[in-house]
């Protein structure tokens, strides 16, 4: 593949990720509405002491803005997309490695 195509693809991917992050940041109201609540939670946690870092009895914890904002479907779609992408890359890499090994043996 041409080096400039790789750079262009990487720049395009970076632009898409940056735009998606900016959209997510602005659609949830940015950091300001949650900064005060976050500070209070941190101070309360420091004052009251800590609990278990992972509590399997409580189930999966999802951030308040996602859960309360009705964005669970979108969150689930992103999780499934990332899982499918990870599995696809794993399968692709294992197949690509098989071809590479057979070329070296010949």
N, C-alpha and C. Protein backbone atom coordinates (compact mmCIF):
# COMPACT_ATOMS: atom_id res chain seq x y z
N UNK A 1 0.84 -1.17 0.00
CA UNK A 1 0.00 0.00 0.00
C UNK A 1 0.90 1.24 0.00
N UNK A 2 0.47 2.24 -0.71
CA UNK A 2 1.22 3.48 -0.80
C UNK A 2 1.25 4.18 0.56
N UNK A 3 2.40 4.75 0.89
CA UNK A 3 2.57 5.39 2.19
C UNK A 3 1.57 6.53 2.38
N UNK A 4 1.31 7.31 1.34
CA UNK A 4 0.39 8.45 1.48
C UNK A 4 -1.04 7.99 1.67
N UNK A 5 -1.39 6.83 1.11
CA UNK A 5 -2.72 6.27 1.36
C UNK A 5 -2.85 5.87 2.82
N UNK A 6 -1.78 5.32 3.38
CA UNK A 6 -1.81 4.95 4.80
C UNK A 6 -1.95 6.19 5.67
N UNK A 7 -1.17 7.23 5.35
CA UNK A 7 -1.27 8.47 6.13
C UNK A 7 -2.65 9.10 5.99
N UNK A 8 -3.19 9.08 4.79
CA UNK A 8 -4.52 9.63 4.56
C UNK A 8 -5.59 8.85 5.31
N UNK A 9 -5.47 7.52 5.29
CA UNK A 9 -6.42 6.68 6.03
C UNK A 9 -6.33 6.92 7.53
N UNK A 10 -5.11 7.05 8.03
CA UNK A 10 -4.92 7.31 9.45
C UNK A 10 -5.47 8.69 9.82
N UNK A 11 -5.22 9.69 8.98
CA UNK A 11 -5.75 11.04 9.24
C UNK A 11 -7.27 11.03 9.20
N UNK A 12 -7.86 10.29 8.26
CA UNK A 12 -9.31 10.20 8.18
C UNK A 12 -9.90 9.51 9.40
N UNK A 13 -9.27 8.44 9.85
CA UNK A 13 -9.72 7.74 11.05
C UNK A 13 -9.62 8.63 12.27
N UNK A 14 -8.53 9.38 12.36
CA UNK A 14 -8.35 10.31 13.47
C UNK A 14 -9.44 11.38 13.46
N UNK A 15 -9.75 11.90 12.27
CA UNK A 15 -10.79 12.94 12.15
C UNK A 15 -12.16 12.40 12.56
N UNK A 16 -12.47 11.17 12.16
CA UNK A 16 -13.75 10.56 12.51
C UNK A 16 -13.84 10.34 14.03
N UNK A 17 -12.75 9.85 14.63
CA UNK A 17 -12.75 9.62 16.07
C UNK A 17 -12.84 10.94 16.83
N UNK A 18 -12.16 11.95 16.34
CA UNK A 18 -12.22 13.27 16.99
C UNK A 18 -13.63 13.84 16.90
N UNK A 19 -14.26 13.72 15.74
CA UNK A 19 -15.62 14.22 15.57
C UNK A 19 -16.60 13.45 16.46
N UNK A 20 -16.44 12.13 16.55
CA UNK A 20 -17.33 11.33 17.40
C UNK A 20 -17.15 11.69 18.87
N UNK A 21 -15.91 11.92 19.29
CA UNK A 21 -15.67 12.33 20.67
C UNK A 21 -16.25 13.69 20.97
N UNK A 22 -16.09 14.62 20.04
CA UNK A 22 -16.64 15.96 20.24
C UNK A 22 -18.17 15.92 20.29
N UNK A 23 -18.76 15.12 19.40
CA UNK A 23 -20.22 14.98 19.41
C UNK A 23 -20.69 14.39 20.74
N UNK A 24 -20.03 13.36 21.22
CA UNK A 24 -20.41 12.76 22.49
C UNK A 24 -20.25 13.72 23.65
N UNK A 25 -19.17 14.51 23.60
CA UNK A 25 -18.92 15.48 24.67
C UNK A 25 -20.01 16.55 24.69
N UNK A 26 -20.37 17.07 23.52
CA UNK A 26 -21.38 18.13 23.49
C UNK A 26 -22.79 17.58 23.73
N UNK A 27 -23.08 16.37 23.28
CA UNK A 27 -24.43 15.83 23.45
C UNK A 27 -24.73 15.48 24.91
N UNK A 28 -23.70 15.21 25.70
CA UNK A 28 -23.92 14.93 27.12
C UNK A 28 -23.81 16.17 27.97
N UNK A 29 -23.58 17.33 27.34
CA UNK A 29 -23.51 18.58 28.08
C UNK A 29 -22.10 18.97 28.48
N UNK A 30 -21.11 18.22 28.02
CA UNK A 30 -19.73 18.56 28.36
C UNK A 30 -19.39 18.20 29.79
N UNK A 31 -18.29 18.71 30.25
CA UNK A 31 -17.80 18.36 31.58
C UNK A 31 -18.41 19.20 32.68
N UNK A 32 -18.88 20.40 32.38
CA UNK A 32 -19.32 21.31 33.44
C UNK A 32 -20.50 20.81 34.26
N UNK A 33 -21.57 20.26 33.67
CA UNK A 33 -22.68 19.83 34.52
C UNK A 33 -22.31 18.72 35.50
N UNK A 34 -21.32 17.92 35.16
CA UNK A 34 -20.99 16.78 36.00
C UNK A 34 -19.78 17.04 36.89
N UNK A 35 -19.11 18.17 36.71
CA UNK A 35 -17.91 18.44 37.49
C UNK A 35 -18.22 18.58 38.97
N UNK A 36 -19.28 19.28 39.31
CA UNK A 36 -19.63 19.49 40.71
C UNK A 36 -20.03 18.16 41.35
N UNK A 37 -20.84 17.39 40.66
CA UNK A 37 -21.27 16.09 41.18
C UNK A 37 -20.07 15.16 41.35
N UNK A 38 -19.15 15.19 40.39
CA UNK A 38 -17.97 14.35 40.47
C UNK A 38 -17.10 14.74 41.65
N UNK A 39 -16.92 16.02 41.87
CA UNK A 39 -16.13 16.49 43.01
C UNK A 39 -16.78 16.05 44.32
N UNK A 40 -18.09 16.15 44.41
CA UNK A 40 -18.78 15.73 45.63
C UNK A 40 -18.62 14.23 45.85
N UNK A 41 -18.73 13.46 44.78
CA UNK A 41 -18.59 12.01 44.92
C UNK A 41 -17.18 11.63 45.36
N UNK A 42 -16.18 12.30 44.80
CA UNK A 42 -14.81 12.02 45.20
C UNK A 42 -14.56 12.40 46.65
N UNK A 43 -15.08 13.55 47.05
CA UNK A 43 -14.89 13.98 48.43
C UNK A 43 -15.63 13.07 49.41
N UNK A 44 -16.83 12.66 49.04
CA UNK A 44 -17.60 11.76 49.90
C UNK A 44 -16.91 10.41 50.00
N UNK A 45 -16.37 9.93 48.87
CA UNK A 45 -15.66 8.65 48.89
C UNK A 45 -14.41 8.71 49.74
N UNK A 46 -13.69 9.82 49.68
CA UNK A 46 -12.49 9.97 50.50
C UNK A 46 -12.85 10.08 51.97
N UNK A 47 -13.97 10.71 52.26
CA UNK A 47 -14.39 10.91 53.64
C UNK A 47 -14.94 9.60 54.24
N UNK A 48 -15.75 8.90 53.48
CA UNK A 48 -16.42 7.70 54.00
C UNK A 48 -15.55 6.46 53.92
N UNK A 49 -14.46 6.51 53.21
CA UNK A 49 -13.64 5.32 53.03
C UNK A 49 -14.07 4.60 51.78
N UNK A 50 -13.31 3.66 51.37
CA UNK A 50 -13.60 2.97 50.12
C UNK A 50 -14.30 1.66 50.34
N UNK A 51 -14.84 1.16 49.28
CA UNK A 51 -15.45 -0.16 49.29
C UNK A 51 -14.71 -1.05 48.31
N UNK A 52 -15.34 -2.11 47.93
CA UNK A 52 -14.73 -3.02 46.96
C UNK A 52 -14.65 -2.35 45.60
N UNK A 53 -13.54 -2.53 44.94
CA UNK A 53 -13.38 -1.95 43.61
C UNK A 53 -14.30 -2.65 42.61
N UNK A 54 -14.43 -3.96 42.75
CA UNK A 54 -15.33 -4.74 41.89
C UNK A 54 -16.31 -5.48 42.79
N UNK A 55 -17.58 -5.22 42.58
CA UNK A 55 -18.62 -5.87 43.38
C UNK A 55 -19.52 -6.64 42.43
N UNK A 56 -19.29 -7.95 42.35
CA UNK A 56 -20.04 -8.77 41.40
C UNK A 56 -21.51 -8.89 41.76
N UNK A 57 -21.87 -8.64 42.99
CA UNK A 57 -23.27 -8.74 43.40
C UNK A 57 -24.13 -7.60 42.87
N UNK A 58 -23.50 -6.50 42.46
CA UNK A 58 -24.27 -5.34 41.98
C UNK A 58 -24.53 -5.38 40.48
N UNK A 59 -23.87 -6.23 39.76
CA UNK A 59 -24.05 -6.27 38.31
C UNK A 59 -23.12 -5.30 37.61
N UNK A 60 -23.43 -4.99 36.38
CA UNK A 60 -22.60 -4.09 35.59
C UNK A 60 -22.99 -2.65 35.90
N UNK A 61 -22.01 -1.83 36.24
CA UNK A 61 -22.27 -0.43 36.55
C UNK A 61 -22.05 0.41 35.30
N UNK A 62 -23.01 1.23 34.96
CA UNK A 62 -22.92 2.10 33.79
C UNK A 62 -23.06 3.53 34.28
N UNK A 63 -22.29 4.42 33.70
CA UNK A 63 -22.27 5.82 34.13
C UNK A 63 -23.67 6.42 34.12
N UNK A 64 -23.90 7.30 35.08
CA UNK A 64 -25.20 7.93 35.25
C UNK A 64 -25.74 8.64 34.03
N UNK A 65 -24.92 9.47 33.32
CA UNK A 65 -25.47 10.17 32.16
C UNK A 65 -25.95 9.23 31.06
N UNK A 66 -25.30 8.10 30.92
CA UNK A 66 -25.72 7.14 29.89
C UNK A 66 -27.02 6.48 30.32
N UNK A 67 -27.06 6.04 31.56
CA UNK A 67 -28.24 5.33 32.06
C UNK A 67 -29.44 6.25 32.17
N UNK A 68 -29.24 7.45 32.72
CA UNK A 68 -30.36 8.35 32.95
C UNK A 68 -30.77 9.10 31.69
N UNK A 69 -29.88 9.23 30.74
CA UNK A 69 -30.19 9.95 29.52
C UNK A 69 -30.88 9.10 28.46
N UNK A 70 -31.14 7.85 28.79
CA UNK A 70 -31.81 6.98 27.83
C UNK A 70 -30.92 6.56 26.67
N UNK A 71 -29.62 6.46 26.92
CA UNK A 71 -28.68 6.13 25.85
C UNK A 71 -28.19 4.69 25.98
N UNK A 72 -28.93 3.83 26.64
CA UNK A 72 -28.49 2.45 26.84
C UNK A 72 -28.40 1.69 25.52
N UNK A 73 -29.33 1.93 24.60
CA UNK A 73 -29.30 1.24 23.32
C UNK A 73 -28.05 1.62 22.54
N UNK A 74 -27.72 2.90 22.54
CA UNK A 74 -26.52 3.35 21.84
C UNK A 74 -25.27 2.77 22.50
N UNK A 75 -25.24 2.75 23.84
CA UNK A 75 -24.11 2.19 24.57
C UNK A 75 -23.94 0.71 24.24
N UNK A 76 -25.03 -0.02 24.22
CA UNK A 76 -24.98 -1.45 23.90
C UNK A 76 -24.51 -1.65 22.46
N UNK A 77 -24.95 -0.80 21.55
CA UNK A 77 -24.51 -0.91 20.15
C UNK A 77 -23.00 -0.68 20.03
N UNK A 78 -22.47 0.28 20.76
CA UNK A 78 -21.02 0.53 20.72
C UNK A 78 -20.26 -0.65 21.30
N UNK A 79 -20.75 -1.21 22.39
CA UNK A 79 -20.09 -2.36 23.01
C UNK A 79 -20.08 -3.55 22.05
N UNK A 80 -21.22 -3.82 21.42
CA UNK A 80 -21.30 -4.93 20.47
C UNK A 80 -20.41 -4.68 19.27
N UNK A 81 -20.40 -3.45 18.75
CA UNK A 81 -19.54 -3.11 17.62
C UNK A 81 -18.07 -3.33 17.95
N UNK A 82 -17.64 -2.90 19.12
CA UNK A 82 -16.24 -3.09 19.50
C UNK A 82 -15.90 -4.57 19.70
N UNK A 83 -16.84 -5.34 20.24
CA UNK A 83 -16.60 -6.78 20.41
C UNK A 83 -16.48 -7.47 19.06
N UNK A 84 -17.37 -7.14 18.13
CA UNK A 84 -17.32 -7.74 16.79
C UNK A 84 -16.04 -7.32 16.07
N UNK A 85 -15.66 -6.06 16.21
CA UNK A 85 -14.42 -5.59 15.60
C UNK A 85 -13.20 -6.32 16.17
N UNK A 86 -13.17 -6.50 17.47
CA UNK A 86 -12.07 -7.22 18.10
C UNK A 86 -11.98 -8.67 17.65
N UNK A 87 -13.12 -9.35 17.58
CA UNK A 87 -13.13 -10.74 17.11
C UNK A 87 -12.73 -10.80 15.65
N UNK A 88 -13.23 -9.87 14.84
CA UNK A 88 -12.87 -9.84 13.42
C UNK A 88 -11.38 -9.62 13.22
N UNK A 89 -10.78 -8.72 13.98
CA UNK A 89 -9.34 -8.50 13.87
C UNK A 89 -8.55 -9.73 14.31
N UNK A 90 -9.03 -10.41 15.33
CA UNK A 90 -8.36 -11.63 15.78
C UNK A 90 -8.40 -12.71 14.69
N UNK A 91 -9.57 -12.89 14.07
CA UNK A 91 -9.68 -13.89 13.00
C UNK A 91 -8.83 -13.49 11.80
N UNK A 92 -8.85 -12.22 11.44
CA UNK A 92 -8.05 -11.73 10.32
C UNK A 92 -6.56 -11.96 10.57
N UNK A 93 -6.12 -11.63 11.79
CA UNK A 93 -4.70 -11.78 12.11
C UNK A 93 -4.28 -13.25 12.10
N UNK A 94 -5.14 -14.13 12.58
CA UNK A 94 -4.78 -15.55 12.58
C UNK A 94 -4.73 -16.10 11.17
N UNK A 95 -5.62 -15.68 10.29
CA UNK A 95 -5.57 -16.13 8.90
C UNK A 95 -4.37 -15.55 8.17
N UNK A 96 -4.07 -14.27 8.43
CA UNK A 96 -2.93 -13.62 7.79
C UNK A 96 -1.63 -14.28 8.22
N UNK A 97 -1.54 -14.67 9.48
CA UNK A 97 -0.35 -15.33 9.99
C UNK A 97 -0.15 -16.69 9.33
N UNK A 98 -1.26 -17.41 9.05
CA UNK A 98 -1.15 -18.71 8.38
C UNK A 98 -0.55 -18.56 6.99
N UNK A 99 -0.99 -17.52 6.25
CA UNK A 99 -0.43 -17.29 4.92
C UNK A 99 1.04 -16.90 5.00
N UNK A 100 1.38 -16.10 5.98
CA UNK A 100 2.76 -15.64 6.15
C UNK A 100 3.68 -16.82 6.49
N UNK A 101 3.21 -17.74 7.36
CA UNK A 101 4.01 -18.91 7.73
C UNK A 101 4.24 -19.83 6.55
N UNK A 102 3.21 -20.01 5.69
CA UNK A 102 3.37 -20.90 4.54
C UNK A 102 4.32 -20.31 3.51
N UNK A 103 4.36 -18.99 3.40
CA UNK A 103 5.29 -18.36 2.46
C UNK A 103 6.73 -18.50 2.95
N UNK A 104 6.94 -18.45 4.25
CA UNK A 104 8.29 -18.59 4.80
C UNK A 104 8.82 -20.00 4.65
N UNK A 105 7.91 -20.98 4.76
CA UNK A 105 8.33 -22.37 4.67
C UNK A 105 8.76 -22.73 3.25
N UNK A 106 8.19 -22.08 2.25
CA UNK A 106 8.50 -22.41 0.85
C UNK A 106 9.82 -21.86 0.40
